[in-house]
Amino acid sequence: MPVIIPIRDLRKTTEISELAHKTREPIFVTRNGYSDLVVMSSETYDRFAQIERVDDIIRNAEIEAANGAELITVDQAFDMLDKKYYG
């Protein structure tokens, strides 16, 4: 369940920091009853950023495949990685 707090609670910085680290989820801040900001721990941000990077890589690969890029099997990919990193 998402954590939602009113903007006036941003004065409680220590409590918000503890909550962000404890829940490991974004905290949604409302202003006049409407969504305004999102606060999260740096660890949570890093996790979301990593997921976005992976999603972006997959999206780019799908575009390349749709544009006719040569596809390889998983075994071929592992062979290429073995050669690249282990000679």
PDB file of N, CA and C in Angstrom:
ATOM      1  N   MET A   1       0.850  -1.180   0.000  1.00  0.00           N
ATOM      2  CA  MET A   1       0.000   0.000   0.000  1.00  0.00           C
ATOM      3  C   MET A   1       0.896   1.245   0.000  1.00  0.00           C
ATOM      4  N   PRO A   2       0.640   2.183  -0.875  1.00  0.00           N
ATOM      5  CA  PRO A   2       1.509   3.361  -0.946  1.00  0.00           C
ATOM      6  C   PRO A   2       1.385   4.234   0.299  1.00  0.00           C
ATOM      7  N   VAL A   3       2.502   4.880   0.637  1.00  0.00           N
ATOM      8  CA  VAL A   3       2.531   5.818   1.751  1.00  0.00           C
ATOM      9  C   VAL A   3       2.240   7.201   1.173  1.00  0.00           C
ATOM     10  N   ILE A   4       1.238   7.868   1.721  1.00  0.00           N
ATOM     11  CA  ILE A   4       0.836   9.191   1.253  1.00  0.00           C
ATOM     12  C   ILE A   4       0.819  10.124   2.449  1.00  0.00           C
ATOM     13  N   ILE A   5       1.500  11.274   2.312  1.00  0.00           N
ATOM     14  CA  ILE A   5       1.517  12.247   3.397  1.00  0.00           C
ATOM     15  C   ILE A   5       1.199  13.636   2.843  1.00  0.00           C
ATOM     16  N   PRO A   6       0.641  14.513   3.666  1.00  0.00           N
ATOM     17  CA  PRO A   6       0.417  15.891   3.214  1.00  0.00           C
ATOM     18  C   PRO A   6       1.731  16.670   3.223  1.00  0.00           C
ATOM     19  N   ILE A   7       1.817  17.703   2.408  1.00  0.00           N
ATOM     20  CA  ILE A   7       3.053  18.465   2.260  1.00  0.00           C
ATOM     21  C   ILE A   7       3.505  19.089   3.576  1.00  0.00           C
ATOM     22  N   ARG A   8       2.582  19.422   4.458  1.00  0.00           N
ATOM     23  CA  ARG A   8       2.966  20.037   5.737  1.00  0.00           C
ATOM     24  C   ARG A   8       3.824  19.095   6.583  1.00  0.00           C
ATOM     25  N   ASP A   9       3.710  17.779   6.354  1.00  0.00           N
ATOM     26  CA  ASP A   9       4.505  16.804   7.108  1.00  0.00           C
ATOM     27  C   ASP A   9       5.972  16.773   6.683  1.00  0.00           C
ATOM     28  N   LEU A  10       6.325  17.486   5.608  1.00  0.00           N
ATOM     29  CA  LEU A  10       7.719  17.500   5.174  1.00  0.00           C
ATOM     30  C   LEU A  10       8.628  18.157   6.210  1.00  0.00           C
ATOM     31  N   ARG A  11       8.050  18.873   7.156  1.00  0.00           N
ATOM     32  CA  ARG A  11       8.848  19.470   8.237  1.00  0.00           C
ATOM     33  C   ARG A  11       9.454  18.395   9.133  1.00  0.00           C
ATOM     34  N   LYS A  12       8.855  17.224   9.145  1.00  0.00           N
ATOM     35  CA  LYS A  12       9.315  16.112   9.998  1.00  0.00           C
ATOM     36  C   LYS A  12      10.364  15.300   9.234  1.00  0.00           C
ATOM     37  N   THR A  13      11.487  15.926   8.962  1.00  0.00           N
ATOM     38  CA  THR A  13      12.481  15.313   8.076  1.00  0.00           C
ATOM     39  C   THR A  13      13.037  13.995   8.606  1.00  0.00           C
ATOM     40  N   THR A  14      13.309  13.926   9.894  1.00  0.00           N
ATOM     41  CA  THR A  14      13.867  12.690  10.459  1.00  0.00           C
ATOM     42  C   THR A  14      12.867  11.552  10.344  1.00  0.00           C
ATOM     43  N   GLU A  15      11.608  11.835  10.658  1.00  0.00           N
ATOM     44  CA  GLU A  15      10.575  10.797  10.573  1.00  0.00           C
ATOM     45  C   GLU A  15      10.384  10.322   9.137  1.00  0.00           C
ATOM     46  N   ILE A  16      10.392  11.253   8.197  1.00  0.00           N
ATOM     47  CA  ILE A  16      10.214  10.888   6.790  1.00  0.00           C
ATOM     48  C   ILE A  16      11.398  10.063   6.301  1.00  0.00           C
ATOM     49  N   SER A  17      12.602  10.448   6.703  1.00  0.00           N
ATOM     50  CA  SER A  17      13.787   9.685   6.324  1.00  0.00           C
ATOM     51  C   SER A  17      13.702   8.265   6.864  1.00  0.00           C
ATOM     52  N   GLU A  18      13.342   8.131   8.115  1.00  0.00           N
ATOM     53  CA  GLU A  18      13.213   6.795   8.717  1.00  0.00           C
ATOM     54  C   GLU A  18      12.145   5.974   8.006  1.00  0.00           C
ATOM     55  N   LEU A  19      11.023   6.607   7.684  1.00  0.00           N
ATOM     56  CA  LEU A  19       9.935   5.913   6.993  1.00  0.00           C
ATOM     57  C   LEU A  19      10.373   5.465   5.603  1.00  0.00           C
ATOM     58  N   ALA A  20      11.091   6.334   4.904  1.00  0.00           N
ATOM     59  CA  ALA A  20      11.555   5.989   3.554  1.00  0.00           C
ATOM     60  C   ALA A  20      12.502   4.796   3.585  1.00  0.00           C
ATOM     61  N   HIS A  21      13.397   4.775   4.568  1.00  0.00           N
ATOM     62  CA  HIS A  21      14.338   3.651   4.673  1.00  0.00           C
ATOM     63  C   HIS A  21      13.645   2.382   5.159  1.00  0.00           C
ATOM     64  N   LYS A  22      12.672   2.542   6.052  1.00  0.00           N
ATOM     65  CA  LYS A  22      11.966   1.379   6.598  1.00  0.00           C
ATOM     66  C   LYS A  22      11.090   0.710   5.533  1.00  0.00           C
ATOM     67  N   THR A  23      10.314   1.501   4.805  1.00  0.00           N
ATOM     68  CA  THR A  23       9.381   0.929   3.823  1.00  0.00           C
ATOM     69  C   THR A  23      10.064   0.542   2.518  1.00  0.00           C
ATOM     70  N   ARG A  24      11.209   1.204   2.220  1.00  0.00           N
ATOM     71  CA  ARG A  24      11.930   0.971   0.969  1.00  0.00           C
ATOM     72  C   ARG A  24      11.039   1.194  -0.253  1.00  0.00           C
ATOM     73  N   GLU A  25      10.094   2.111  -0.103  1.00  0.00           N
ATOM     74  CA  GLU A  25       9.157   2.470  -1.172  1.00  0.00           C
ATOM     75  C   GLU A  25       9.057   3.987  -1.259  1.00  0.00           C
ATOM     76  N   PRO A  26       8.602   4.522  -2.384  1.00  0.00           N
ATOM     77  CA  PRO A  26       8.399   5.966  -2.497  1.00  0.00           C
ATOM     78  C   PRO A  26       7.308   6.446  -1.540  1.00  0.00           C
ATOM     79  N   ILE A  27       7.444   7.671  -1.096  1.00  0.00           N
ATOM     80  CA  ILE A  27       6.432   8.323  -0.263  1.00  0.00           C
ATOM     81  C   ILE A  27       5.812   9.417  -1.123  1.00  0.00           C
ATOM     82  N   PHE A  28       4.517   9.369  -1.300  1.00  0.00           N
ATOM     83  CA  PHE A  28       3.819  10.336  -2.126  1.00  0.00           C
ATOM     84  C   PHE A  28       3.357  11.498  -1.256  1.00  0.00           C
ATOM     85  N   VAL A  29       3.686  12.706  -1.701  1.00  0.00           N
ATOM     86  CA  VAL A  29       3.363  13.915  -0.946  1.00  0.00           C
ATOM     87  C   VAL A  29       2.253  14.647  -1.689  1.00  0.00           C
ATOM     88  N   THR A  30       1.200  14.996  -0.960  1.00  0.00           N
ATOM     89  CA  THR A  30       0.076  15.701  -1.573  1.00  0.00           C
ATOM     90  C   THR A  30       0.065  17.162  -1.158  1.00  0.00           C
ATOM     91  N   ARG A  31      -0.475  17.981  -2.032  1.00  0.00           N
ATOM     92  CA  ARG A  31      -0.663  19.401  -1.764  1.00  0.00           C
ATOM     93  C   ARG A  31      -2.089  19.738  -2.160  1.00  0.00           C
ATOM     94  N   ASN A  32      -2.848  20.241  -1.204  1.00  0.00           N
ATOM     95  CA  ASN A  32      -4.269  20.542  -1.423  1.00  0.00           C
ATOM     96  C   ASN A  32      -5.030  19.320  -1.944  1.00  0.00           C
ATOM     97  N   GLY A  33      -4.631  18.133  -1.458  1.00  0.00           N
ATOM     98  CA  GLY A  33      -5.323  16.907  -1.823  1.00  0.00           C
ATOM     99  C   GLY A  33      -4.887  16.283  -3.139  1.00  0.00           C
ATOM    100  N   TYR A  34      -3.928  16.895  -3.816  1.00  0.00           N
ATOM    101  CA  TYR A  34      -3.476  16.380  -5.102  1.00  0.00           C
ATOM    102  C   TYR A  34      -2.008  15.957  -5.022  1.00  0.00           C
ATOM    103  N   SER A  35      -1.654  14.965  -5.792  1.00  0.00           N
ATOM    104  CA  SER A  35      -0.281  14.489  -5.829  1.00  0.00           C
ATOM    105  C   SER A  35       0.647  15.621  -6.269  1.00  0.00           C
ATOM    106  N   ASP A  36       1.753  15.800  -5.525  1.00  0.00           N
ATOM    107  CA  ASP A  36       2.656  16.905  -5.812  1.00  0.00           C
ATOM    108  C   ASP A  36       4.114  16.460  -5.917  1.00  0.00           C
ATOM    109  N   LEU A  37       4.580  15.632  -4.987  1.00  0.00           N
ATOM    110  CA  LEU A  37       5.972  15.220  -4.943  1.00  0.00           C
ATOM    111  C   LEU A  37       6.075  13.739  -4.598  1.00  0.00           C
ATOM    112  N   VAL A  38       7.257  13.194  -4.847  1.00  0.00           N
ATOM    113  CA  VAL A  38       7.568  11.841  -4.410  1.00  0.00           C
ATOM    114  C   VAL A  38       8.916  11.908  -3.705  1.00  0.00           C
ATOM    115  N   VAL A  39       8.988  11.316  -2.511  1.00  0.00           N
ATOM    116  CA  VAL A  39      10.216  11.284  -1.720  1.00  0.00           C
ATOM    117  C   VAL A  39      10.597   9.820  -1.536  1.00  0.00           C
ATOM    118  N   MET A  40      11.901   9.537  -1.684  1.00  0.00           N
ATOM    119  CA  MET A  40      12.356   8.164  -1.475  1.00  0.00           C
ATOM    120  C   MET A  40      13.798   8.172  -1.008  1.00  0.00           C
ATOM    121  N   SER A  41      14.214   7.064  -0.414  1.00  0.00           N
ATOM    122  CA  SER A  41      15.609   6.933   0.010  1.00  0.00           C
ATOM    123  C   SER A  41      16.489   6.807  -1.225  1.00  0.00           C
ATOM    124  N   SER A  42      17.763   7.075  -1.061  1.00  0.00           N
ATOM    125  CA  SER A  42      18.674   6.955  -2.193  1.00  0.00           C
ATOM    126  C   SER A  42      18.778   5.506  -2.662  1.00  0.00           C
ATOM    127  N   GLU A  43      18.661   4.554  -1.731  1.00  0.00           N
ATOM    128  CA  GLU A  43      18.702   3.138  -2.118  1.00  0.00           C
ATOM    129  C   GLU A  43      17.506   2.789  -3.005  1.00  0.00           C
ATOM    130  N   THR A  44      16.334   3.300  -2.643  1.00  0.00           N
ATOM    131  CA  THR A  44      15.139   3.041  -3.438  1.00  0.00           C
ATOM    132  C   THR A  44      15.274   3.690  -4.811  1.00  0.00           C
ATOM    133  N   TYR A  45      15.794   4.909  -4.841  1.00  0.00           N
ATOM    134  CA  TYR A  45      16.010   5.588  -6.120  1.00  0.00           C
ATOM    135  C   TYR A  45      16.960   4.770  -6.995  1.00  0.00           C
ATOM    136  N   ASP A  46      18.058   4.294  -6.420  1.00  0.00           N
ATOM    137  CA  ASP A  46      19.014   3.489  -7.182  1.00  0.00           C
ATOM    138  C   ASP A  46      18.363   2.244  -7.752  1.00  0.00           C
ATOM    139  N   ARG A  47      17.488   1.603  -6.958  1.00  0.00           N
ATOM    140  CA  ARG A  47      16.781   0.413  -7.423  1.00  0.00           C
ATOM    141  C   ARG A  47      15.880   0.752  -8.610  1.00  0.00           C
ATOM    142  N   PHE A  48      15.120   1.853  -8.503  1.00  0.00           N
ATOM    143  CA  PHE A  48      14.250   2.268  -9.596  1.00  0.00           C
ATOM    144  C   PHE A  48      15.064   2.647 -10.833  1.00  0.00           C
ATOM    145  N   ALA A  49      16.198   3.326 -10.633  1.00  0.00           N
ATOM    146  CA  ALA A  49      17.041   3.721 -11.758  1.00  0.00           C
ATOM    147  C   ALA A  49      17.611   2.496 -12.461  1.00  0.00           C
ATOM    148  N   GLN A  50      18.018   1.483 -11.706  1.00  0.00           N
ATOM    149  CA  GLN A  50      18.548   0.251 -12.300  1.00  0.00           C
ATOM    150  C   GLN A  50      17.473  -0.453 -13.120  1.00  0.00           C
ATOM    151  N   ILE A  51      16.274  -0.520 -12.592  1.00  0.00           N
ATOM    152  CA  ILE A  51      15.166  -1.135 -13.328  1.00  0.00           C
ATOM    153  C   ILE A  51      14.914  -0.379 -14.623  1.00  0.00           C
ATOM    154  N   GLU A  52      14.949   0.950 -14.559  1.00  0.00           N
ATOM    155  CA  GLU A  52      14.740   1.769 -15.759  1.00  0.00           C
ATOM    156  C   GLU A  52      15.840   1.528 -16.783  1.00  0.00           C
ATOM    157  N   ARG A  53      17.085   1.400 -16.328  1.00  0.00           N
ATOM    158  CA  ARG A  53      18.193   1.136 -17.264  1.00  0.00           C
ATOM    159  C   ARG A  53      17.992  -0.206 -17.964  1.00  0.00           C
ATOM    160  N   VAL A  54      17.613  -1.228 -17.218  1.00  0.00           N
ATOM    161  CA  VAL A  54      17.385  -2.547 -17.815  1.00  0.00           C
ATOM    162  C   VAL A  54      16.223  -2.481 -18.800  1.00  0.00           C
ATOM    163  N   ASP A  55      15.139  -1.811 -18.403  1.00  0.00           N
ATOM    164  CA  ASP A  55      13.991  -1.661 -19.310  1.00  0.00           C
ATOM    165  C   ASP A  55      14.400  -0.952 -20.596  1.00  0.00           C
ATOM    166  N   ASP A  56      15.245   0.065 -20.476  1.00  0.00           N
ATOM    167  CA  ASP A  56      15.704   0.814 -21.645  1.00  0.00           C
ATOM    168  C   ASP A  56      16.538  -0.073 -22.571  1.00  0.00           C
ATOM    169  N   ILE A  57      17.399  -0.900 -22.000  1.00  0.00           N
ATOM    170  CA  ILE A  57      18.214  -1.819 -22.795  1.00  0.00           C
ATOM    171  C   ILE A  57      17.323  -2.817 -23.539  1.00  0.00           C
ATOM    172  N   ILE A  58      16.323  -3.346 -22.845  1.00  0.00           N
ATOM    173  CA  ILE A  58      15.405  -4.299 -23.485  1.00  0.00           C
ATOM    174  C   ILE A  58      14.619  -3.614 -24.603  1.00  0.00           C
ATOM    175  N   ARG A  59      14.132  -2.403 -24.329  1.00  0.00           N
ATOM    176  CA  ARG A  59      13.380  -1.642 -25.334  1.00  0.00           C
ATOM    177  C   ARG A  59      14.243  -1.403 -26.579  1.00  0.00           C
ATOM    178  N   ASN A  60      15.494  -1.009 -26.386  1.00  0.00           N
ATOM    179  CA  ASN A  60      16.385  -0.780 -27.523  1.00  0.00           C
ATOM    180  C   ASN A  60      16.646  -2.060 -28.304  1.00  0.00           C
ATOM    181  N   ALA A  61      16.807  -3.181 -27.596  1.00  0.00           N
ATOM    182  CA  ALA A  61      17.022  -4.467 -28.269  1.00  0.00           C
ATOM    183  C   ALA A  61      15.799  -4.861 -29.093  1.00  0.00           C
ATOM    184  N   GLU A  62      14.609  -4.610 -28.561  1.00  0.00           N
ATOM    185  CA  GLU A  62      13.382  -4.924 -29.305  1.00  0.00           C
ATOM    186  C   GLU A  62      13.273  -4.070 -30.564  1.00  0.00           C
ATOM    187  N   ILE A  63      13.672  -2.811 -30.464  1.00  0.00           N
ATOM    188  CA  ILE A  63      13.648  -1.929 -31.638  1.00  0.00           C
ATOM    189  C   ILE A  63      14.648  -2.420 -32.682  1.00  0.00           C
ATOM    190  N   GLU A  64      15.848  -2.790 -32.239  1.00  0.00           N
ATOM    191  CA  GLU A  64      16.856  -3.309 -33.165  1.00  0.00           C
ATOM    192  C   GLU A  64      16.356  -4.570 -33.862  1.00  0.00           C
ATOM    193  N   ALA A  65      15.728  -5.469 -33.095  1.00  0.00           N
ATOM    194  CA  ALA A  65      15.207  -6.714 -33.687  1.00  0.00           C
ATOM    195  C   ALA A  65      14.108  -6.410 -34.698  1.00  0.00           C
ATOM    196  N   ALA A  66      13.248  -5.468 -34.371  1.00  0.00           N
ATOM    197  CA  ALA A  66      12.168  -5.098 -35.289  1.00  0.00           C
ATOM    198  C   ALA A  66      12.712  -4.461 -36.569  1.00  0.00           C
ATOM    199  N   ASN A  67      13.887  -3.848 -36.474  1.00  0.00           N
ATOM    200  CA  ASN A  67      14.499  -3.211 -37.640  1.00  0.00           C
ATOM    201  C   ASN A  67      15.428  -4.148 -38.402  1.00  0.00           C
ATOM    202  N   GLY A  68      15.391  -5.429 -38.066  1.00  0.00           N
ATOM    203  CA  GLY A  68      16.124  -6.419 -38.854  1.00  0.00           C
ATOM    204  C   GLY A  68      17.501  -6.788 -38.343  1.00  0.00           C
ATOM    205  N   ALA A  69      17.824  -6.450 -37.117  1.00  0.00           N
ATOM    206  CA  ALA A  69      19.132  -6.825 -36.582  1.00  0.00           C
ATOM    207  C   ALA A  69      19.250  -8.350 -36.534  1.00  0.00           C
ATOM    208  N   GLU A  70      20.476  -8.831 -36.687  1.00  0.00           N
ATOM    209  CA  GLU A  70      20.708 -10.271 -36.642  1.00  0.00           C
ATOM    210  C   GLU A  70      20.492 -10.773 -35.212  1.00  0.00           C
ATOM    211  N   LEU A  71      19.684 -11.789 -35.064  1.00  0.00           N
ATOM    212  CA  LEU A  71      19.406 -12.367 -33.754  1.00  0.00           C
ATOM    213  C   LEU A  71      20.337 -13.542 -33.491  1.00  0.00           C
ATOM    214  N   ILE A  72      20.691 -13.739 -32.221  1.00  0.00           N
ATOM    215  CA  ILE A  72      21.548 -14.856 -31.845  1.00  0.00           C
ATOM    216  C   ILE A  72      20.874 -15.644 -30.730  1.00  0.00           C
ATOM    217  N   THR A  73      21.311 -16.883 -30.555  1.00  0.00           N
ATOM    218  CA  THR A  73      20.757 -17.720 -29.493  1.00  0.00           C
ATOM    219  C   THR A  73      21.440 -17.382 -28.164  1.00  0.00           C
ATOM    220  N   VAL A  74      20.870 -17.881 -27.101  1.00  0.00           N
ATOM    221  CA  VAL A  74      21.464 -17.684 -25.778  1.00  0.00           C
ATOM    222  C   VAL A  74      22.845 -18.330 -25.726  1.00  0.00           C
ATOM    223  N   ASP A  75      22.968 -19.505 -26.296  1.00  0.00           N
ATOM    224  CA  ASP A  75      24.269 -20.185 -26.311  1.00  0.00           C
ATOM    225  C   ASP A  75      25.317 -19.356 -27.048  1.00  0.00           C
ATOM    226  N   GLN A  76      24.940 -18.754 -28.161  1.00  0.00           N
ATOM    227  CA  GLN A  76      25.871 -17.900 -28.889  1.00  0.00           C
ATOM    228  C   GLN A  76      26.267 -16.687 -28.043  1.00  0.00           C
ATOM    229  N   ALA A  77      25.307 -16.114 -27.352  1.00  0.00           N
ATOM    230  CA  ALA A  77      25.579 -14.947 -26.504  1.00  0.00           C
ATOM    231  C   ALA A  77      26.559 -15.313 -25.399  1.00  0.00           C
ATOM    232  N   PHE A  78      26.348 -16.453 -24.745  1.00  0.00           N
ATOM    233  CA  PHE A  78      27.264 -16.885 -23.680  1.00  0.00           C
ATOM    234  C   PHE A  78      28.648 -17.200 -24.226  1.00  0.00           C
ATOM    235  N   ASP A  79      28.713 -17.800 -25.404  1.00  0.00           N
ATOM    236  CA  ASP A  79      30.015 -18.064 -26.029  1.00  0.00           C
ATOM    237  C   ASP A  79      30.759 -16.755 -26.294  1.00  0.00           C
ATOM    238  N   MET A  80      30.042 -15.760 -26.794  1.00  0.00           N
ATOM    239  CA  MET A  80      30.657 -14.459 -27.070  1.00  0.00           C
ATOM    240  C   MET A  80      31.154 -13.808 -25.770  1.00  0.00           C
ATOM    241  N   LEU A  81      30.364 -13.902 -24.715  1.00  0.00           N
ATOM    242  CA  LEU A  81      30.768 -13.332 -23.419  1.00  0.00           C
ATOM    243  C   LEU A  81      31.973 -14.070 -22.852  1.00  0.00           C
ATOM    244  N   ASP A  82      31.956 -15.402 -22.962  1.00  0.00           N
ATOM    245  CA  ASP A  82      33.116 -16.189 -22.501  1.00  0.00           C
ATOM    246  C   ASP A  82      34.389 -15.751 -23.207  1.00  0.00           C
ATOM    247  N   LYS A  83      34.316 -15.624 -24.518  1.00  0.00           N
ATOM    248  CA  LYS A  83      35.498 -15.209 -25.300  1.00  0.00           C
ATOM    249  C   LYS A  83      35.939 -13.801 -24.906  1.00  0.00           C
ATOM    250  N   LYS A  84      34.971 -12.928 -24.710  1.00  0.00           N
ATOM    251  CA  LYS A  84      35.302 -11.534 -24.407  1.00  0.00           C
ATOM    252  C   LYS A  84      35.963 -11.411 -23.032  1.00  0.00           C
ATOM    253  N   TYR A  85      35.441 -12.116 -22.032  1.00  0.00           N
ATOM    254  CA  TYR A  85      35.928 -11.916 -20.664  1.00  0.00           C
ATOM    255  C   TYR A  85      36.919 -12.976 -20.183  1.00  0.00           C
ATOM    256  N   TYR A  86      36.948 -14.139 -20.838  1.00  0.00           N
ATOM    257  CA  TYR A  86      37.834 -15.193 -20.380  1.00  0.00           C
ATOM    258  C   TYR A  86      38.785 -15.715 -21.453  1.00  0.00           C
ATOM    259  N   GLY A  87      38.761 -15.039 -22.598  1.00  0.00           N
ATOM    260  CA  GLY A  87      39.700 -15.403 -23.666  1.00  0.00           C
ATOM    261  C   GLY A  87      39.260 -16.605 -24.354  1.00  0.00           C
TER     262      GLY A  87
END
